[in-house]
Amino acid sequence: MSQTTTALIAEQWAVGLFVLAVLTLCAVAAGVASLLGGRSWGRAKSLPFESGVVGAGSARQRFSVKFYLVAMLFVIFDIEAVFLFGWAVAIHEVGWPGFWGAAVFIIILLAGLIYDSRVGALDWAPRHRLSDRST
């Protein structure tokens, strides 16, 4: 056997040993948890519990469409941040054409944000009517 073959086999055995050690550790942890874990059952165990507060009321309550609209806008502008981060990392490779491409991208997103603001997508409170101000 050549020296490169021996080194390759040694490297593969090290990876295999590591995988075996990880699987053994996971099995031991799961076994110890099942032996030492509590098994109490009762009415309180079956209740949903989140952040230290027991739920009250129905879980099927209706939410305003504004919540979903704001969530979608958040996702859109969050993806914008991901694209701009990638652009910022590669700024030396993309040069001026990349800069102008990112500038056009930001301008398009700003236009969308201005449009959302004008149509009231970002308004949380209802607008006061003119008749309400006169009273």
N, C-alpha and C. Protein backbone atom coordinates (compact mmCIF):
# COMPACT_ATOMS: atom_id res chain seq x y z
N MET A 1 0.83 -1.19 0.00
CA MET A 1 0.00 0.00 0.00
C MET A 1 0.87 1.24 0.00
N SER A 2 0.41 2.23 -0.75
CA SER A 2 1.17 3.47 -0.80
C SER A 2 0.86 4.34 0.41
N GLN A 3 1.66 5.35 0.57
CA GLN A 3 1.51 6.23 1.72
C GLN A 3 0.23 7.06 1.63
N THR A 4 -0.19 7.47 0.43
CA THR A 4 -1.42 8.25 0.28
C THR A 4 -2.65 7.41 0.59
N THR A 5 -2.60 6.12 0.21
CA THR A 5 -3.72 5.23 0.52
C THR A 5 -3.83 5.03 2.03
N THR A 6 -2.72 4.88 2.70
CA THR A 6 -2.71 4.71 4.15
C THR A 6 -3.25 5.97 4.84
N ALA A 7 -2.86 7.13 4.37
CA ALA A 7 -3.34 8.39 4.95
C ALA A 7 -4.84 8.54 4.72
N LEU A 8 -5.31 8.13 3.55
CA LEU A 8 -6.73 8.23 3.25
C LEU A 8 -7.55 7.30 4.14
N ILE A 9 -7.06 6.08 4.34
CA ILE A 9 -7.76 5.13 5.21
C ILE A 9 -7.77 5.65 6.64
N ALA A 10 -6.66 6.20 7.10
CA ALA A 10 -6.60 6.75 8.46
C ALA A 10 -7.58 7.90 8.63
N GLU A 11 -7.70 8.73 7.61
CA GLU A 11 -8.63 9.86 7.67
C GLU A 11 -10.08 9.37 7.70
N GLN A 12 -10.39 8.35 6.92
CA GLN A 12 -11.75 7.82 6.89
C GLN A 12 -12.10 7.15 8.21
N TRP A 13 -11.14 6.45 8.82
CA TRP A 13 -11.40 5.83 10.12
C TRP A 13 -11.66 6.89 11.18
N ALA A 14 -10.97 8.01 11.10
CA ALA A 14 -11.18 9.08 12.08
C ALA A 14 -12.59 9.65 11.95
N VAL A 15 -13.04 9.84 10.73
CA VAL A 15 -14.40 10.35 10.50
C VAL A 15 -15.43 9.32 10.96
N GLY A 16 -15.20 8.05 10.64
CA GLY A 16 -16.12 7.00 11.07
C GLY A 16 -16.17 6.88 12.58
N LEU A 17 -15.03 6.98 13.24
CA LEU A 17 -14.99 6.93 14.70
C LEU A 17 -15.73 8.12 15.31
N PHE A 18 -15.57 9.28 14.71
CA PHE A 18 -16.27 10.48 15.20
C PHE A 18 -17.79 10.30 15.07
N VAL A 19 -18.26 9.82 13.93
CA VAL A 19 -19.69 9.60 13.72
C VAL A 19 -20.22 8.57 14.72
N LEU A 20 -19.46 7.49 14.94
CA LEU A 20 -19.86 6.47 15.91
C LEU A 20 -19.93 7.05 17.32
N ALA A 21 -18.97 7.89 17.69
CA ALA A 21 -18.97 8.51 19.01
C ALA A 21 -20.17 9.45 19.18
N VAL A 22 -20.51 10.21 18.15
CA VAL A 22 -21.66 11.11 18.22
C VAL A 22 -22.95 10.32 18.36
N LEU A 23 -23.12 9.27 17.57
CA LEU A 23 -24.33 8.45 17.67
C LEU A 23 -24.44 7.78 19.04
N THR A 24 -23.32 7.31 19.57
CA THR A 24 -23.31 6.70 20.90
C THR A 24 -23.70 7.72 21.96
N LEU A 25 -23.13 8.89 21.89
CA LEU A 25 -23.47 9.95 22.84
C LEU A 25 -24.95 10.31 22.79
N CYS A 26 -25.51 10.41 21.59
CA CYS A 26 -26.94 10.72 21.44
C CYS A 26 -27.80 9.60 22.03
N ALA A 27 -27.43 8.35 21.78
CA ALA A 27 -28.20 7.22 22.32
C ALA A 27 -28.12 7.19 23.84
N VAL A 28 -26.95 7.43 24.40
CA VAL A 28 -26.80 7.45 25.86
C VAL A 28 -27.62 8.58 26.47
N ALA A 29 -27.57 9.77 25.86
CA ALA A 29 -28.34 10.91 26.38
C ALA A 29 -29.83 10.62 26.33
N ALA A 30 -30.32 10.04 25.24
CA ALA A 30 -31.74 9.72 25.14
C ALA A 30 -32.13 8.64 26.14
N GLY A 31 -31.27 7.64 26.34
CA GLY A 31 -31.56 6.59 27.30
C GLY A 31 -31.59 7.10 28.73
N VAL A 32 -30.63 7.93 29.11
CA VAL A 32 -30.61 8.50 30.45
C VAL A 32 -31.82 9.40 30.67
N ALA A 33 -32.20 10.18 29.67
CA ALA A 33 -33.37 11.06 29.80
C ALA A 33 -34.65 10.25 29.98
N SER A 34 -34.76 9.13 29.28
CA SER A 34 -35.98 8.32 29.43
C SER A 34 -36.03 7.62 30.79
N LEU A 35 -34.88 7.29 31.34
CA LEU A 35 -34.85 6.64 32.66
C LEU A 35 -35.07 7.64 33.80
N LEU A 36 -34.50 8.83 33.68
CA LEU A 36 -34.56 9.80 34.77
C LEU A 36 -35.68 10.81 34.63
N GLY A 37 -36.31 10.89 33.48
CA GLY A 37 -37.34 11.89 33.24
C GLY A 37 -38.60 11.63 34.05
N GLY A 38 -39.32 12.70 34.36
CA GLY A 38 -40.56 12.57 35.11
C GLY A 38 -41.69 12.04 34.24
N ARG A 39 -42.60 11.33 34.87
CA ARG A 39 -43.72 10.75 34.14
C ARG A 39 -45.05 11.13 34.80
N SER A 40 -45.16 12.34 35.25
CA SER A 40 -46.41 12.73 35.90
C SER A 40 -47.45 13.08 34.84
N TRP A 41 -48.66 12.67 35.08
CA TRP A 41 -49.77 12.95 34.19
C TRP A 41 -50.86 13.63 35.00
N GLY A 42 -51.61 14.43 34.35
CA GLY A 42 -52.70 15.11 35.04
C GLY A 42 -53.33 16.15 34.13
N ARG A 43 -54.34 16.82 34.68
CA ARG A 43 -55.06 17.80 33.89
C ARG A 43 -54.16 18.97 33.50
N ALA A 44 -53.30 19.39 34.39
CA ALA A 44 -52.43 20.53 34.10
C ALA A 44 -51.37 20.18 33.06
N LYS A 45 -50.98 18.93 32.94
CA LYS A 45 -49.98 18.54 31.95
C LYS A 45 -50.48 18.66 30.53
N SER A 46 -51.79 18.51 30.33
CA SER A 46 -52.32 18.54 28.98
C SER A 46 -52.72 19.94 28.52
N LEU A 47 -52.59 20.94 29.39
CA LEU A 47 -52.92 22.31 29.01
C LEU A 47 -51.76 22.94 28.23
N PRO A 48 -52.08 23.72 27.20
CA PRO A 48 -51.00 24.44 26.51
C PRO A 48 -50.44 25.52 27.44
N PHE A 49 -49.15 25.69 27.40
CA PHE A 49 -48.46 26.58 28.31
C PHE A 49 -47.36 27.28 27.54
N GLU A 50 -47.37 28.60 27.54
CA GLU A 50 -46.35 29.30 26.79
C GLU A 50 -45.87 30.51 27.57
N SER A 51 -44.61 30.61 27.73
CA SER A 51 -43.95 31.74 28.39
C SER A 51 -44.48 31.98 29.79
N GLY A 52 -44.80 30.95 30.49
CA GLY A 52 -45.24 31.09 31.87
C GLY A 52 -46.67 31.53 32.03
N VAL A 53 -47.44 31.58 30.95
CA VAL A 53 -48.82 32.03 31.02
C VAL A 53 -49.73 30.92 30.50
N VAL A 54 -50.71 30.55 31.31
CA VAL A 54 -51.68 29.57 30.86
C VAL A 54 -52.66 30.27 29.93
N GLY A 55 -52.93 29.67 28.80
CA GLY A 55 -53.80 30.29 27.81
C GLY A 55 -55.22 30.47 28.32
N ALA A 56 -55.84 31.55 27.88
CA ALA A 56 -57.23 31.82 28.24
C ALA A 56 -57.99 32.13 26.96
N GLY A 57 -59.16 31.59 26.81
CA GLY A 57 -59.95 31.86 25.62
C GLY A 57 -59.65 30.88 24.51
N SER A 58 -60.24 31.13 23.38
CA SER A 58 -60.10 30.24 22.23
C SER A 58 -58.81 30.53 21.47
N ALA A 59 -58.22 29.49 20.93
CA ALA A 59 -57.04 29.66 20.10
C ALA A 59 -57.42 30.04 18.67
N ARG A 60 -58.69 30.02 18.37
CA ARG A 60 -59.16 30.32 17.02
C ARG A 60 -59.79 31.70 16.94
N GLN A 61 -59.12 32.67 17.50
CA GLN A 61 -59.64 34.04 17.41
C GLN A 61 -59.20 34.68 16.10
N ARG A 62 -59.95 35.62 15.67
CA ARG A 62 -59.66 36.28 14.40
C ARG A 62 -58.70 37.44 14.61
N PHE A 63 -57.79 37.59 13.66
CA PHE A 63 -56.86 38.70 13.68
C PHE A 63 -57.15 39.59 12.49
N SER A 64 -56.79 40.83 12.65
CA SER A 64 -56.96 41.79 11.56
C SER A 64 -56.02 41.43 10.41
N VAL A 65 -56.43 41.75 9.22
CA VAL A 65 -55.61 41.50 8.04
C VAL A 65 -54.32 42.32 8.12
N LYS A 66 -54.34 43.41 8.87
CA LYS A 66 -53.15 44.26 9.00
C LYS A 66 -51.96 43.47 9.56
N PHE A 67 -52.23 42.53 10.47
CA PHE A 67 -51.13 41.74 11.03
C PHE A 67 -50.44 40.94 9.92
N TYR A 68 -51.22 40.31 9.06
CA TYR A 68 -50.65 39.52 7.99
C TYR A 68 -49.96 40.40 6.95
N LEU A 69 -50.53 41.56 6.70
CA LEU A 69 -49.94 42.49 5.75
C LEU A 69 -48.58 42.97 6.25
N VAL A 70 -48.52 43.32 7.51
CA VAL A 70 -47.25 43.77 8.08
C VAL A 70 -46.24 42.63 8.10
N ALA A 71 -46.70 41.41 8.36
CA ALA A 71 -45.79 40.26 8.33
C ALA A 71 -45.23 40.05 6.93
N MET A 72 -46.05 40.19 5.90
CA MET A 72 -45.55 40.04 4.54
C MET A 72 -44.57 41.15 4.19
N LEU A 73 -44.87 42.37 4.61
CA LEU A 73 -43.95 43.48 4.35
C LEU A 73 -42.63 43.25 5.07
N PHE A 74 -42.70 42.73 6.29
CA PHE A 74 -41.47 42.43 7.02
C PHE A 74 -40.64 41.40 6.27
N VAL A 75 -41.26 40.36 5.76
CA VAL A 75 -40.52 39.33 5.03
C VAL A 75 -39.88 39.92 3.78
N ILE A 76 -40.63 40.76 3.07
CA ILE A 76 -40.08 41.38 1.85
C ILE A 76 -38.86 42.22 2.18
N PHE A 77 -38.95 43.07 3.20
CA PHE A 77 -37.83 43.95 3.51
C PHE A 77 -36.72 43.20 4.24
N ASP A 78 -37.02 42.07 4.85
CA ASP A 78 -35.99 41.24 5.44
C ASP A 78 -35.18 40.56 4.34
N ILE A 79 -35.83 40.12 3.30
CA ILE A 79 -35.12 39.53 2.16
C ILE A 79 -34.26 40.59 1.48
N GLU A 80 -34.75 41.82 1.46
CA GLU A 80 -33.94 42.92 0.94
C GLU A 80 -32.63 43.03 1.71
N ALA A 81 -32.70 42.91 3.01
CA ALA A 81 -31.49 43.01 3.83
C ALA A 81 -30.53 41.87 3.50
N VAL A 82 -31.04 40.68 3.23
CA VAL A 82 -30.18 39.55 2.88
C VAL A 82 -29.46 39.82 1.56
N PHE A 83 -30.19 40.34 0.57
CA PHE A 83 -29.56 40.66 -0.71
C PHE A 83 -28.50 41.74 -0.56
N LEU A 84 -28.82 42.77 0.23
CA LEU A 84 -27.86 43.85 0.40
C LEU A 84 -26.64 43.40 1.21
N PHE A 85 -26.83 42.46 2.13
CA PHE A 85 -25.68 41.94 2.86
C PHE A 85 -24.74 41.20 1.91
N GLY A 86 -25.32 40.38 1.02
CA GLY A 86 -24.50 39.69 0.03
C GLY A 86 -23.77 40.66 -0.88
N TRP A 87 -24.44 41.74 -1.24
CA TRP A 87 -23.81 42.76 -2.07
C TRP A 87 -22.67 43.43 -1.31
N ALA A 88 -22.89 43.72 -0.03
CA ALA A 88 -21.86 44.39 0.77
C ALA A 88 -20.63 43.50 0.94
N VAL A 89 -20.83 42.21 1.04
CA VAL A 89 -19.69 41.30 1.20
C VAL A 89 -18.87 41.24 -0.09
N ALA A 90 -19.55 41.31 -1.23
CA ALA A 90 -18.86 41.17 -2.52
C ALA A 90 -18.64 42.51 -3.22
N ILE A 91 -18.59 43.60 -2.47
CA ILE A 91 -18.51 44.93 -3.10
C ILE A 91 -17.23 45.09 -3.92
N HIS A 92 -16.13 44.51 -3.49
CA HIS A 92 -14.89 44.67 -4.24
C HIS A 92 -14.93 43.92 -5.57
N GLU A 93 -15.65 42.81 -5.61
CA GLU A 93 -15.71 42.03 -6.85
C GLU A 93 -16.70 42.62 -7.85
N VAL A 94 -17.80 43.20 -7.36
CA VAL A 94 -18.83 43.68 -8.28
C VAL A 94 -18.56 45.09 -8.78
N GLY A 95 -17.82 45.89 -8.03
CA GLY A 95 -17.43 47.22 -8.47
C GLY A 95 -18.60 48.16 -8.66
N TRP A 96 -18.40 49.14 -9.58
CA TRP A 96 -19.43 50.16 -9.83
C TRP A 96 -20.71 49.58 -10.44
N PRO A 97 -20.62 48.63 -11.37
CA PRO A 97 -21.89 48.07 -11.88
C PRO A 97 -22.73 47.42 -10.78
N GLY A 98 -22.08 46.76 -9.82
CA GLY A 98 -22.80 46.19 -8.70
C GLY A 98 -23.39 47.26 -7.80
N PHE A 99 -22.65 48.36 -7.64
CA PHE A 99 -23.16 49.47 -6.83
C PHE A 99 -24.42 50.05 -7.45
N TRP A 100 -24.39 50.27 -8.76
CA TRP A 100 -25.56 50.86 -9.41
C TRP A 100 -26.73 49.87 -9.44
N GLY A 101 -26.43 48.60 -9.56
CA GLY A 101 -27.49 47.59 -9.47
C GLY A 101 -28.15 47.59 -8.10
N ALA A 102 -27.32 47.68 -7.04
CA ALA A 102 -27.87 47.75 -5.69
C ALA A 102 -28.64 49.04 -5.48
N ALA A 103 -28.17 50.13 -6.06
CA ALA A 103 -28.88 51.41 -5.93
C ALA A 103 -30.26 51.33 -6.59
N VAL A 104 -30.33 50.72 -7.77
CA VAL A 104 -31.63 50.55 -8.44
C VAL A 104 -32.54 49.65 -7.60
N PHE A 105 -31.97 48.61 -7.03
CA PHE A 105 -32.73 47.71 -6.16
C PHE A 105 -33.31 48.47 -4.95
N ILE A 106 -32.50 49.29 -4.32
CA ILE A 106 -32.96 50.07 -3.16
C ILE A 106 -34.01 51.09 -3.59
N ILE A 107 -33.85 51.72 -4.74
CA ILE A 107 -34.83 52.70 -5.21
C ILE A 107 -36.17 52.02 -5.47
N ILE A 108 -36.15 50.84 -6.08
CA ILE A 108 -37.41 50.11 -6.32
C ILE A 108 -38.08 49.75 -5.00
N LEU A 109 -37.30 49.30 -4.03
CA LEU A 109 -37.88 48.98 -2.73
C LEU A 109 -38.40 50.21 -2.00
N LEU A 110 -37.70 51.32 -2.12
CA LEU A 110 -38.19 52.56 -1.52
C LEU A 110 -39.49 53.01 -2.18
N ALA A 111 -39.59 52.83 -3.50
CA ALA A 111 -40.83 53.17 -4.19
C ALA A 111 -41.97 52.30 -3.68
N GLY A 112 -41.69 51.02 -3.46
CA GLY A 112 -42.71 50.12 -2.89
C GLY A 112 -43.09 50.53 -1.49
N LEU A 113 -42.13 50.94 -0.69
CA LEU A 113 -42.41 51.39 0.67
C LEU A 113 -43.24 52.67 0.68
N ILE A 114 -42.92 53.59 -0.21
CA ILE A 114 -43.71 54.83 -0.31
C ILE A 114 -45.13 54.51 -0.77
N TYR A 115 -45.27 53.60 -1.71
CA TYR A 115 -46.60 53.19 -2.17
C TYR A 115 -47.39 52.56 -1.03
N ASP A 116 -46.75 51.65 -0.27
CA ASP A 116 -47.44 51.03 0.87
C ASP A 116 -47.87 52.07 1.89
N SER A 117 -47.04 53.06 2.10
CA SER A 117 -47.38 54.12 3.05
C SER A 117 -48.55 54.96 2.54
N ARG A 118 -48.57 55.24 1.25
CA ARG A 118 -49.64 56.08 0.69
C ARG A 118 -50.99 55.38 0.68
N VAL A 119 -51.01 54.06 0.45
CA VAL A 119 -52.28 53.35 0.41
C VAL A 119 -52.75 52.97 1.81
N GLY A 120 -51.93 53.24 2.82
CA GLY A 120 -52.34 52.99 4.19
C GLY A 120 -52.00 51.62 4.72
N ALA A 121 -51.10 50.91 4.05
CA ALA A 121 -50.74 49.57 4.51
C ALA A 121 -49.96 49.60 5.82
N LEU A 122 -49.35 50.73 6.13
CA LEU A 122 -48.55 50.83 7.35
C LEU A 122 -49.27 51.57 8.46
N ASP A 123 -50.51 51.95 8.24
CA ASP A 123 -51.28 52.66 9.26
C ASP A 123 -51.90 51.65 10.22
N TRP A 124 -51.62 51.81 11.50
CA TRP A 124 -52.17 50.89 12.49
C TRP A 124 -53.50 51.39 13.03
N ALA A 125 -53.61 52.66 13.21
CA ALA A 125 -54.84 53.23 13.77
C ALA A 125 -55.72 53.73 12.63
N PRO A 126 -57.04 53.65 12.81
CA PRO A 126 -57.90 54.17 11.75
C PRO A 126 -57.79 55.69 11.68
N ARG A 127 -57.93 56.19 10.48
CA ARG A 127 -57.86 57.64 10.30
C ARG A 127 -59.13 58.29 10.79
N HIS A 128 -58.97 59.48 11.37
CA HIS A 128 -60.14 60.22 11.85
C HIS A 128 -60.86 60.83 10.65
N ARG A 129 -62.15 60.72 10.68
CA ARG A 129 -62.94 61.31 9.60
C ARG A 129 -63.08 62.80 9.84
N LEU A 130 -63.37 63.52 8.79
CA LEU A 130 -63.55 64.96 8.92
C LEU A 130 -64.72 65.29 9.82
N SER A 131 -65.77 64.45 9.79
CA SER A 131 -66.95 64.72 10.62
C SER A 131 -66.62 64.52 12.10
N ASP A 132 -65.66 63.63 12.42
CA ASP A 132 -65.27 63.41 13.81
C ASP A 132 -64.51 64.61 14.36
N ARG A 133 -63.77 65.30 13.53
CA ARG A 133 -62.97 66.43 14.01
C ARG A 133 -63.84 67.65 14.32
N SER A 134 -64.98 67.74 13.68
CA SER A 134 -65.81 68.92 13.87
C SER A 134 -66.54 68.87 15.20
N THR A 135 -66.67 67.73 15.85
CA THR A 135 -67.40 67.65 17.12
C THR A 135 -66.56 67.91 18.30
